[in-house]
Amino acid sequence: MATVSSTGLGSGLDVSSIVSQLVAIERQPIAQLQTAAKGIQTKISAYGQVNSLMSTLREASAKLAGAGLWAQSSASSDSTAVKVSGSGSAAAGSYTVSVQQLARAHSLASPAQASAEAVMGSGQLALTVGGNTTTLDFSEADTTLADIRDAINASAAGVNAAIVSDVNGARLTLTSRSSGLAQAMTIGASDLSGGAASGAFASLGYPGGMSQTQAAANALATVNGLAVESAGNQLDGAIPGLSLNLQALTSTPAEISVSSDSGGQKAAVQAFADAYNALNNYLRTQTRYDEGTSTAGTLQGDSTAVSLLGRMRSMLRESSSASASFSRFADLGFDVQKDGTVKIDSAKLDTALAQPAELAKLFGASGTAGDSSSQGLALRLRNLADSLTGFDGLLSSRSEGLRARLDRNGDEQERLENRVSQVQARLLRQYQALDASMSQLSGLSSYVTQQLNMLNSSSNKA
């Protein structure tokens, strides 16, 4: 009888290794999702940097568009005599101001009465100030000095009335509300029928009964040697863009200086160029393929980033009709390089800075409705940055879209992880059952082999 032999299977099945390899195959889609998630996260970070750089450019643009940067500053060497305000449109330089006379309001005082309640009688007052006459009727025979004061103050005569008491008694004082020769007062005092006033009421006329305590006067000054006369002590227009407030007579001329912060203005222009270059360089790096390193930028092929880079570069070449002296960044010394960055010709910029009022228009003019060409260049860039970085702006929307993709990716990974866990558990059960079955078969095989061996041994002895 032939000998039956068996290699014997046994229970040496490596269940853990087999299941691990099968699970690794099941996990391949998860690995692909994880790789995709890293790419999305990298894009989110890249757009975060773009947003940050755009915000920096926005602030630099707003600085250039603001009127404060280009405003002139003014100062007086003797503010006790001449105060100066304004300066936005004043030409830079120095001016000398001498004050020979201050403007004064006309003031009158009546003869002294016993008190404010002194009875003045009835009558009519015709107050003429600046060519305008106001007529006041006092029909009561017991009209007092205080009644007359109150009526004048309540009228539109342009006169302030008061009662001042001195050692001689109570006096009605009248002061024109505006200064200057043209505001000198005349007062006609008459009875109610237009005839001559009688009694105490007659003392309220001028010229006549009332006395002058201060003559009306115009302000007299010289600006750079040219005579200036004004009804008031505030001179507007003597120096275009400035308001001079005359405070006192001068013994020596006060010097008024007007200047601009050209150093600060130049620094602001350079800060704008630096912010633009930083954004340009980042977008250029992130959207191109580097042949030297054989690596693609994070945003290569991203239409939003590519479009933004093109839009920024085109805006730097746009023109504005807001200024009569400048129309483009190039007029200020901006030189666009091959890589899209800008360099500034310092000498050309210095020349432009001599006209701060025109630069204020070029950069910050609000323009007219329906005519974008009349809008300031920096204001356009600021508005573009606002539209991009705002709550529902393009950059914000793009970042939100990427975050939504990342969330969906995470959800899909979680779903597949759950599926892989279920597959792993099922495979473990199946291969553990197979291992047990194989172990039983191995035991049976050993028994059969043993019995066959014993049978063969008995046959041979026979």
Protein backbone atom coordinates (compact mmCIF):
# COMPACT_ATOMS: atom_id res chain seq x y z
CA MET A 1 0.00 0.00 0.00
CA ALA A 2 1.38 3.32 -1.00
CA THR A 3 2.49 5.71 1.71
CA VAL A 4 0.26 8.84 2.04
CA SER A 5 2.15 11.97 2.99
CA SER A 6 1.09 15.55 3.66
CA THR A 7 3.00 18.75 4.06
CA GLY A 8 0.59 19.71 6.80
CA LEU A 9 -1.04 23.15 6.85
CA GLY A 10 -1.05 23.79 10.60
CA SER A 11 -2.37 27.10 12.16
CA GLY A 12 0.52 29.40 11.28
CA LEU A 13 -1.62 31.83 9.26
CA ASP A 14 -0.40 35.49 9.86
CA VAL A 15 -3.86 37.01 10.19
CA SER A 16 -2.58 40.40 11.39
CA SER A 17 -0.28 40.89 8.41
CA ILE A 18 -2.87 39.81 5.88
CA VAL A 19 -5.56 42.07 7.35
CA SER A 20 -3.16 45.02 7.61
CA GLN A 21 -2.24 44.74 3.94
CA LEU A 22 -5.86 44.48 2.87
CA VAL A 23 -6.83 47.45 5.08
CA ALA A 24 -3.96 49.47 3.60
CA ILE A 25 -5.54 48.97 0.19
CA GLU A 26 -8.88 50.10 1.57
CA ARG A 27 -7.21 53.23 3.02
CA GLN A 28 -5.75 54.42 -0.26
CA PRO A 29 -8.72 56.76 -1.03
CA ILE A 30 -8.26 58.28 2.45
CA ALA A 31 -4.60 58.94 1.72
CA GLN A 32 -5.62 60.66 -1.49
CA LEU A 33 -8.11 62.81 0.42
CA GLN A 34 -5.45 63.71 3.00
CA THR A 35 -3.10 64.80 0.23
CA ALA A 36 -5.88 66.88 -1.29
CA ALA A 37 -6.65 68.40 2.13
CA LYS A 38 -3.04 69.50 2.52
CA GLY A 39 -3.24 71.20 -0.88
CA ILE A 40 -6.47 72.97 0.05
CA GLN A 41 -5.03 74.08 3.39
CA THR A 42 -1.96 75.41 1.61
CA LYS A 43 -4.21 77.43 -0.71
CA ILE A 44 -6.17 78.77 2.25
CA SER A 45 -2.92 79.90 3.85
CA ALA A 46 -1.82 81.46 0.56
CA TYR A 47 -5.06 83.42 0.27
CA GLY A 48 -4.70 84.48 3.89
CA GLN A 49 -1.33 85.98 2.97
CA VAL A 50 -2.81 87.63 -0.13
CA ASN A 51 -5.55 89.14 2.02
CA SER A 52 -2.98 90.43 4.52
CA LEU A 53 -0.81 91.98 1.80
CA MET A 54 -3.87 93.50 0.16
CA SER A 55 -4.90 95.03 3.49
CA THR A 56 -1.44 96.58 3.81
CA LEU A 57 -1.75 98.03 0.31
CA ARG A 58 -5.22 99.28 1.20
CA GLU A 59 -3.86 101.22 4.18
CA ALA A 60 -1.02 102.66 2.10
CA SER A 61 -3.51 103.71 -0.60
CA ALA A 62 -5.82 105.29 1.96
CA LYS A 63 -2.87 107.27 3.31
CA LEU A 64 -2.15 108.71 -0.14
CA ALA A 65 -5.83 109.39 -0.81
CA GLY A 66 -6.30 111.26 2.48
CA ALA A 67 -6.27 115.05 2.32
CA GLY A 68 -4.38 115.30 5.61
CA LEU A 69 -1.13 113.99 4.10
CA TRP A 70 -1.00 116.78 1.53
CA ALA A 71 -2.30 119.64 3.67
CA GLN A 72 0.04 122.54 4.28
CA SER A 73 0.83 123.55 7.86
CA SER A 74 1.02 127.19 8.89
CA ALA A 75 2.55 129.04 11.82
CA SER A 76 2.90 132.60 13.07
CA SER A 77 6.05 133.99 14.65
CA ASP A 78 3.87 136.22 16.88
CA SER A 79 0.52 134.58 17.62
CA THR A 80 -0.27 137.23 20.25
CA ALA A 81 -0.58 139.73 17.41
CA VAL A 82 -1.53 137.56 14.42
CA LYS A 83 -3.03 134.09 14.63
CA VAL A 84 -3.16 131.96 11.50
CA SER A 85 -5.46 129.07 10.58
CA GLY A 86 -6.15 127.03 7.48
CA SER A 87 -3.43 126.13 5.00
CA GLY A 88 -4.83 123.34 2.86
CA SER A 89 -4.61 125.23 -0.43
CA ALA A 90 -2.10 127.92 0.54
CA ALA A 91 1.10 128.09 -1.44
CA ALA A 92 4.20 127.15 0.50
CA GLY A 93 6.34 130.10 1.51
CA SER A 94 6.60 132.89 4.08
CA TYR A 95 4.64 136.11 4.47
CA THR A 96 5.09 139.19 6.66
CA VAL A 97 2.09 140.78 8.36
CA SER A 98 2.05 144.13 10.17
CA VAL A 99 -1.01 145.39 12.06
CA GLN A 100 -1.49 149.17 12.27
CA GLN A 101 -5.07 149.23 13.54
CA LEU A 102 -7.62 146.73 14.83
CA ALA A 103 -11.23 146.79 13.73
CA ARG A 104 -13.59 148.13 16.38
CA ALA A 105 -17.33 148.21 16.91
CA HIS A 106 -19.06 151.56 17.47
CA SER A 107 -20.07 152.21 21.11
CA LEU A 108 -22.28 154.95 22.61
CA ALA A 109 -23.39 155.86 26.13
CA SER A 110 -26.35 157.94 27.29
CA PRO A 111 -26.23 160.63 29.96
CA ALA A 112 -26.46 159.23 33.49
CA GLN A 113 -29.89 158.55 34.97
CA ALA A 114 -30.81 157.86 38.56
CA SER A 115 -31.25 154.13 37.92
CA ALA A 116 -32.29 151.57 35.34
CA GLU A 117 -35.90 152.26 36.35
CA ALA A 118 -35.63 155.96 35.62
CA VAL A 119 -38.65 157.12 33.58
CA MET A 120 -37.60 158.37 30.14
CA GLY A 121 -41.09 159.20 28.85
CA SER A 122 -42.61 158.32 25.49
CA GLY A 123 -41.10 158.76 22.07
CA GLN A 124 -39.59 157.10 19.02
CA LEU A 125 -36.04 155.88 18.30
CA ALA A 126 -34.71 155.37 14.75
CA LEU A 127 -31.50 153.33 14.90
CA THR A 128 -29.45 153.30 11.69
CA VAL A 129 -26.61 150.76 11.45
CA GLY A 130 -24.84 149.74 8.24
CA GLY A 131 -27.39 151.64 6.16
CA ASN A 132 -30.40 149.87 7.70
CA THR A 133 -32.84 151.77 9.92
CA THR A 134 -34.96 150.19 12.65
CA THR A 135 -37.73 152.30 14.22
CA LEU A 136 -38.91 151.60 17.77
CA ASP A 137 -42.01 153.25 19.27
CA PHE A 138 -42.39 153.78 23.03
CA SER A 139 -45.95 154.96 23.60
CA GLU A 140 -46.10 154.66 27.36
CA ALA A 141 -45.32 157.81 29.29
CA ASP A 142 -43.72 155.74 32.06
CA THR A 143 -41.23 153.96 29.75
CA THR A 144 -38.04 153.30 31.73
CA LEU A 145 -34.40 153.11 30.71
CA ALA A 146 -34.59 149.31 31.20
CA ASP A 147 -37.64 149.13 28.89
CA ILE A 148 -35.66 150.86 26.15
CA ARG A 149 -32.72 148.51 26.63
CA ASP A 150 -34.94 145.45 26.37
CA ALA A 151 -36.72 146.71 23.25
CA ILE A 152 -33.45 147.41 21.45
CA ASN A 153 -32.09 143.95 22.27
CA ALA A 154 -35.30 142.32 21.05
CA SER A 155 -35.17 144.19 17.74
CA ALA A 156 -33.27 143.45 14.54
CA ALA A 157 -31.31 146.69 14.75
CA GLY A 158 -27.95 144.92 15.03
CA VAL A 159 -27.15 146.66 18.30
CA ASN A 160 -26.42 145.30 21.76
CA ALA A 161 -27.88 147.40 24.58
CA ALA A 162 -26.88 147.30 28.23
CA ILE A 163 -27.16 149.44 31.35
CA VAL A 164 -23.90 150.26 33.08
CA SER A 165 -23.77 152.09 36.39
CA ASP A 166 -20.89 154.37 37.31
CA VAL A 167 -20.37 156.97 40.02
CA ASN A 168 -22.76 159.31 38.24
CA GLY A 169 -25.65 156.87 37.82
CA ALA A 170 -27.06 154.42 35.27
CA ARG A 171 -26.20 154.79 31.57
CA LEU A 172 -27.66 153.05 28.54
CA THR A 173 -24.76 151.75 26.44
CA LEU A 174 -25.14 150.72 22.80
CA THR A 175 -22.59 148.71 20.79
CA SER A 176 -22.96 147.71 17.15
CA ARG A 177 -22.84 143.94 16.82
CA SER A 178 -20.40 144.13 13.90
CA SER A 179 -17.16 146.04 13.73
CA GLY A 180 -16.00 148.39 11.00
CA LEU A 181 -16.62 151.92 9.79
CA ALA A 182 -19.73 150.89 7.91
CA GLN A 183 -21.35 149.77 11.15
CA ALA A 184 -21.24 153.21 12.80
CA MET A 185 -24.56 154.09 14.47
CA THR A 186 -26.80 157.12 14.17
CA ILE A 187 -29.89 157.44 16.37
CA GLY A 188 -32.80 159.73 15.83
CA ALA A 189 -34.89 160.51 18.95
CA SER A 190 -38.32 162.11 18.37
CA ASP A 191 -41.80 162.21 19.79
CA LEU A 192 -44.40 159.78 18.48
CA SER A 193 -45.61 162.25 15.89
CA GLY A 194 -42.13 162.73 14.47
CA GLY A 195 -41.46 166.03 16.19
CA ALA A 196 -38.57 166.82 18.50
CA ALA A 197 -38.33 164.63 21.55
CA SER A 198 -38.67 166.19 24.94
CA GLY A 199 -37.37 165.48 28.39
CA ALA A 200 -35.05 162.58 29.14
CA PHE A 201 -36.03 160.78 25.91
CA ALA A 202 -34.31 163.50 23.90
CA SER A 203 -30.95 162.51 25.45
CA LEU A 204 -30.98 159.17 23.54
CA GLY A 205 -30.19 160.63 20.11
CA TYR A 206 -26.80 160.50 18.37
CA PRO A 207 -25.23 162.73 17.39
CA GLY A 208 -26.74 164.76 20.13
CA GLY A 209 -27.55 163.43 23.54
CA MET A 210 -25.47 160.22 23.61
CA SER A 211 -21.70 160.34 23.66
CA GLN A 212 -19.28 158.17 21.72
CA THR A 213 -17.19 155.85 23.90
CA GLN A 214 -15.50 153.99 21.02
CA ALA A 215 -15.30 155.03 17.41
CA ALA A 216 -16.03 152.49 14.70
CA ALA A 217 -12.86 151.48 12.86
CA ASN A 218 -11.64 149.14 10.14
CA ALA A 219 -8.63 146.89 10.60
CA LEU A 220 -5.55 148.20 8.82
CA ALA A 221 -2.65 145.88 8.03
CA THR A 222 0.01 145.16 5.46
CA VAL A 223 0.74 141.72 3.99
CA ASN A 224 4.12 141.49 2.32
CA GLY A 225 4.08 145.29 2.19
CA LEU A 226 0.65 145.55 0.55
CA ALA A 227 -2.05 147.49 2.43
CA VAL A 228 -5.10 145.52 3.53
CA GLU A 229 -8.27 146.97 5.08
CA SER A 230 -11.11 144.98 6.61
CA ALA A 231 -14.26 145.66 8.61
CA GLY A 232 -13.31 142.77 10.90
CA ASN A 233 -10.16 141.49 12.52
CA GLN A 234 -10.29 138.23 10.58
CA LEU A 235 -8.65 138.54 7.19
CA ASP A 236 -9.80 135.87 4.74
CA GLY A 237 -8.26 135.90 1.30
CA ALA A 238 -5.38 138.26 1.97
CA ILE A 239 -3.26 135.11 1.68
CA PRO A 240 -5.20 132.51 -0.37
CA GLY A 241 -5.94 129.46 1.73
CA LEU A 242 -5.18 131.18 5.05
CA SER A 243 -7.24 133.04 7.61
CA LEU A 244 -5.43 135.73 9.63
CA ASN A 245 -6.90 136.73 12.99
CA LEU A 246 -5.55 140.10 14.07
CA GLN A 247 -5.10 140.24 17.84
CA ALA A 248 -2.93 143.28 18.54
CA LEU A 249 -0.83 145.97 16.90
CA THR A 250 2.64 144.88 15.86
CA SER A 251 5.90 146.65 16.61
CA THR A 252 7.73 144.33 14.23
CA PRO A 253 6.09 142.31 11.44
CA ALA A 254 4.81 138.83 12.27
CA GLU A 255 6.13 136.16 9.93
CA ILE A 256 3.62 133.63 8.64
CA SER A 257 5.16 130.42 7.29
CA VAL A 258 3.38 127.82 5.16
CA SER A 259 5.02 124.48 4.51
CA SER A 260 4.24 120.84 3.84
CA ASP A 261 5.73 117.66 5.31
CA SER A 262 7.53 116.59 2.16
CA GLY A 263 9.52 113.99 4.10
CA GLY A 264 6.35 112.35 5.39
CA GLN A 265 4.75 112.55 1.96
CA LYS A 266 7.74 110.90 0.30
CA ALA A 267 7.76 108.15 2.93
CA ALA A 268 4.04 107.53 2.31
CA VAL A 269 4.61 107.20 -1.45
CA GLN A 270 7.49 104.76 -0.83
CA ALA A 271 5.36 102.77 1.63
CA PHE A 272 2.71 102.47 -1.07
CA ALA A 273 5.29 101.23 -3.59
CA ASP A 274 6.66 98.74 -1.05
CA ALA A 275 3.18 97.40 -0.29
CA TYR A 276 2.42 97.07 -4.00
CA ASN A 277 5.72 95.27 -4.65
CA ALA A 278 5.16 92.85 -1.77
CA LEU A 279 1.74 91.86 -3.14
CA ASN A 280 3.02 91.66 -6.72
CA ASN A 281 5.98 89.46 -5.76
CA TYR A 282 3.86 87.09 -3.69
CA LEU A 283 1.19 86.66 -6.36
CA ARG A 284 3.84 86.26 -9.06
CA THR A 285 5.65 83.54 -7.07
CA GLN A 286 2.47 81.70 -6.15
CA THR A 287 0.97 81.68 -9.66
CA ARG A 288 4.00 80.63 -11.74
CA TYR A 289 5.96 77.45 -12.40
CA ASP A 290 9.58 77.64 -11.27
CA GLU A 291 11.64 75.82 -13.89
CA GLY A 292 14.74 76.06 -11.72
CA THR A 293 13.21 74.03 -8.91
CA SER A 294 10.61 72.25 -11.05
CA THR A 295 7.90 73.29 -8.61
CA ALA A 296 4.56 74.94 -9.24
CA GLY A 297 3.31 77.79 -7.11
CA THR A 298 0.45 77.07 -4.74
CA LEU A 299 -1.91 79.24 -6.80
CA GLN A 300 -0.71 78.26 -10.27
CA GLY A 301 -3.74 78.03 -12.52
CA ASP A 302 -5.94 79.70 -9.90
CA SER A 303 -8.04 82.09 -11.98
CA THR A 304 -8.80 84.37 -9.04
CA ALA A 305 -5.14 84.92 -8.18
CA VAL A 306 -4.05 85.29 -11.81
CA SER A 307 -6.84 87.79 -12.48
CA LEU A 308 -5.96 89.78 -9.37
CA LEU A 309 -2.31 90.04 -10.39
CA GLY A 310 -3.31 91.33 -13.81
CA ARG A 311 -5.79 93.81 -12.33
CA MET A 312 -3.20 95.25 -9.95
CA ARG A 313 -0.65 95.74 -12.71
CA SER A 314 -3.16 97.42 -15.02
CA MET A 315 -4.29 99.84 -12.31
CA LEU A 316 -0.72 101.03 -11.88
CA ARG A 317 -0.80 102.17 -15.51
CA GLU A 318 -4.20 103.90 -15.39
CA SER A 319 -4.60 107.67 -15.65
CA SER A 320 -6.71 110.28 -13.87
CA SER A 321 -7.95 113.66 -15.06
CA ALA A 322 -8.29 115.00 -11.50
CA SER A 323 -5.03 116.96 -11.52
CA ALA A 324 -3.94 119.61 -13.96
CA SER A 325 -0.26 118.72 -13.44
CA PHE A 326 -0.15 114.92 -13.17
CA SER A 327 -2.17 112.07 -14.64
CA ARG A 328 -0.23 108.82 -13.96
CA PHE A 329 1.99 107.20 -11.38
CA ALA A 330 4.74 107.46 -13.99
CA ASP A 331 4.58 111.26 -13.69
CA LEU A 332 5.81 110.89 -10.11
CA GLY A 333 8.76 108.68 -11.01
CA PHE A 334 7.12 105.24 -10.83
CA ASP A 335 9.05 102.92 -13.18
CA VAL A 336 7.49 99.48 -13.75
CA GLN A 337 10.08 96.67 -13.99
CA LYS A 338 9.87 93.47 -16.07
CA ASP A 339 8.74 91.47 -13.04
CA GLY A 340 5.88 93.89 -12.38
CA THR A 341 7.48 95.65 -9.41
CA VAL A 342 8.01 99.40 -9.34
CA LYS A 343 11.03 101.53 -8.63
CA ILE A 344 10.74 105.23 -7.86
CA ASP A 345 12.89 107.92 -9.44
CA SER A 346 13.64 109.94 -6.31
CA ALA A 347 14.51 113.15 -8.15
CA LYS A 348 11.31 113.02 -10.20
CA LEU A 349 9.26 112.40 -7.06
CA ASP A 350 10.92 115.33 -5.27
CA THR A 351 9.93 117.60 -8.15
CA ALA A 352 6.32 116.40 -7.95
CA LEU A 353 6.22 116.91 -4.18
CA ALA A 354 6.61 120.64 -4.78
CA GLN A 355 2.91 120.59 -5.81
CA PRO A 356 1.15 118.91 -2.87
CA ALA A 357 -2.26 120.31 -3.81
CA GLU A 358 -2.06 118.66 -7.23
CA LEU A 359 -0.89 115.38 -5.71
CA ALA A 360 -3.85 115.48 -3.34
CA LYS A 361 -6.11 115.61 -6.41
CA LEU A 362 -4.22 112.93 -8.33
CA PHE A 363 -4.42 110.49 -5.43
CA GLY A 364 -7.62 111.36 -3.58
CA ALA A 365 -10.12 113.14 -5.82
CA SER A 366 -13.58 111.63 -5.39
CA GLY A 367 -14.40 112.34 -9.03
CA THR A 368 -17.80 112.81 -10.62
CA ALA A 369 -20.59 110.27 -10.90
CA GLY A 370 -20.28 108.10 -13.98
CA ASP A 371 -16.75 109.29 -14.75
CA SER A 372 -14.19 106.97 -13.18
CA SER A 373 -11.34 108.73 -14.99
CA SER A 374 -11.78 111.75 -12.73
CA GLN A 375 -11.27 109.70 -9.58
CA GLY A 376 -7.95 109.73 -7.73
CA LEU A 377 -5.55 106.85 -8.44
CA ALA A 378 -4.94 105.90 -4.80
CA LEU A 379 -8.65 106.15 -4.03
CA ARG A 380 -9.36 103.63 -6.81
CA LEU A 381 -6.88 101.18 -5.32
CA ARG A 382 -8.30 101.66 -1.85
CA ASN A 383 -11.82 101.02 -3.13
CA LEU A 384 -10.63 97.92 -5.00
CA ALA A 385 -8.97 96.61 -1.85
CA ASP A 386 -12.17 97.23 0.11
CA SER A 387 -14.19 95.28 -2.45
CA LEU A 388 -11.72 92.38 -2.29
CA THR A 389 -11.15 92.13 1.46
CA GLY A 390 -14.65 93.00 2.66
CA PHE A 391 -17.00 90.52 4.30
CA ASP A 392 -18.41 89.36 0.96
CA GLY A 393 -15.41 90.40 -1.14
CA LEU A 394 -13.71 88.24 -3.74
CA LEU A 395 -10.83 87.16 -1.49
CA SER A 396 -13.15 86.42 1.39
CA SER A 397 -15.47 84.42 -0.88
CA ARG A 398 -12.54 82.48 -2.34
CA SER A 399 -11.24 81.61 1.12
CA GLU A 400 -14.71 80.59 2.26
CA GLY A 401 -15.06 78.35 -0.78
CA LEU A 402 -11.76 76.64 0.01
CA ARG A 403 -12.74 76.16 3.64
CA ALA A 404 -16.02 74.60 2.51
CA ARG A 405 -14.04 72.18 0.30
CA LEU A 406 -11.81 71.35 3.25
CA ASP A 407 -14.85 70.64 5.41
CA ARG A 408 -16.32 68.33 2.76
CA ASN A 409 -12.96 66.60 2.46
CA GLY A 410 -12.90 66.03 6.20
CA ASP A 411 -16.44 64.66 6.15
CA GLU A 412 -15.49 62.23 3.35
CA GLN A 413 -12.39 61.12 5.26
CA GLU A 414 -14.51 60.45 8.33
CA ARG A 415 -17.00 58.44 6.26
CA LEU A 416 -14.23 56.34 4.73
CA GLU A 417 -12.53 55.86 8.10
CA ASN A 418 -15.77 54.41 9.45
CA ARG A 419 -16.03 52.15 6.40
CA VAL A 420 -12.42 50.97 6.77
CA SER A 421 -13.01 50.20 10.44
CA GLN A 422 -15.97 48.06 9.49
CA VAL A 423 -14.00 46.30 6.74
CA GLN A 424 -11.10 45.70 9.12
CA ALA A 425 -13.40 44.16 11.71
CA ARG A 426 -15.00 41.93 9.07
CA LEU A 427 -11.65 40.79 7.69
CA LEU A 428 -10.38 39.98 11.16
CA ARG A 429 -13.43 37.84 11.81
CA GLN A 430 -13.10 36.07 8.47
CA TYR A 431 -9.39 35.34 8.70
CA GLN A 432 -9.57 34.38 12.35
CA ALA A 433 -12.30 31.89 11.40
CA LEU A 434 -10.15 30.66 8.53
CA ASP A 435 -7.20 30.29 10.88
CA ALA A 436 -9.32 28.25 13.27
CA SER A 437 -10.58 26.05 10.45
CA MET A 438 -7.09 25.54 9.16
CA SER A 439 -5.92 24.67 12.65
CA GLN A 440 -8.62 21.98 12.88
CA LEU A 441 -7.72 20.64 9.45
CA SER A 442 -4.09 20.55 10.48
CA GLY A 443 -4.97 18.45 13.53
CA LEU A 444 -7.09 16.07 11.45
CA SER A 445 -4.30 15.77 8.91
CA SER A 446 -1.85 14.79 11.64
CA TYR A 447 -4.23 12.14 12.97
CA VAL A 448 -4.85 10.64 9.53
CA THR A 449 -1.15 10.57 8.81
CA GLN A 450 -0.48 8.84 12.10
CA GLN A 451 -3.12 6.19 11.38
CA LEU A 452 -1.78 5.57 7.89
CA ASN A 453 1.71 5.19 9.24
CA MET A 454 0.52 2.66 11.78
CA LEU A 455 -1.38 0.73 9.09
CA ASN A 456 1.64 0.64 6.82
CA SER A 457 3.81 -0.58 9.67
CA SER A 458 1.43 -3.48 10.41
CA SER A 459 1.28 -4.46 6.74
CA ASN A 460 5.03 -4.61 6.44
CA LYS A 461 5.36 -6.95 9.46
CA ALA A 462 2.86 -9.32 7.96
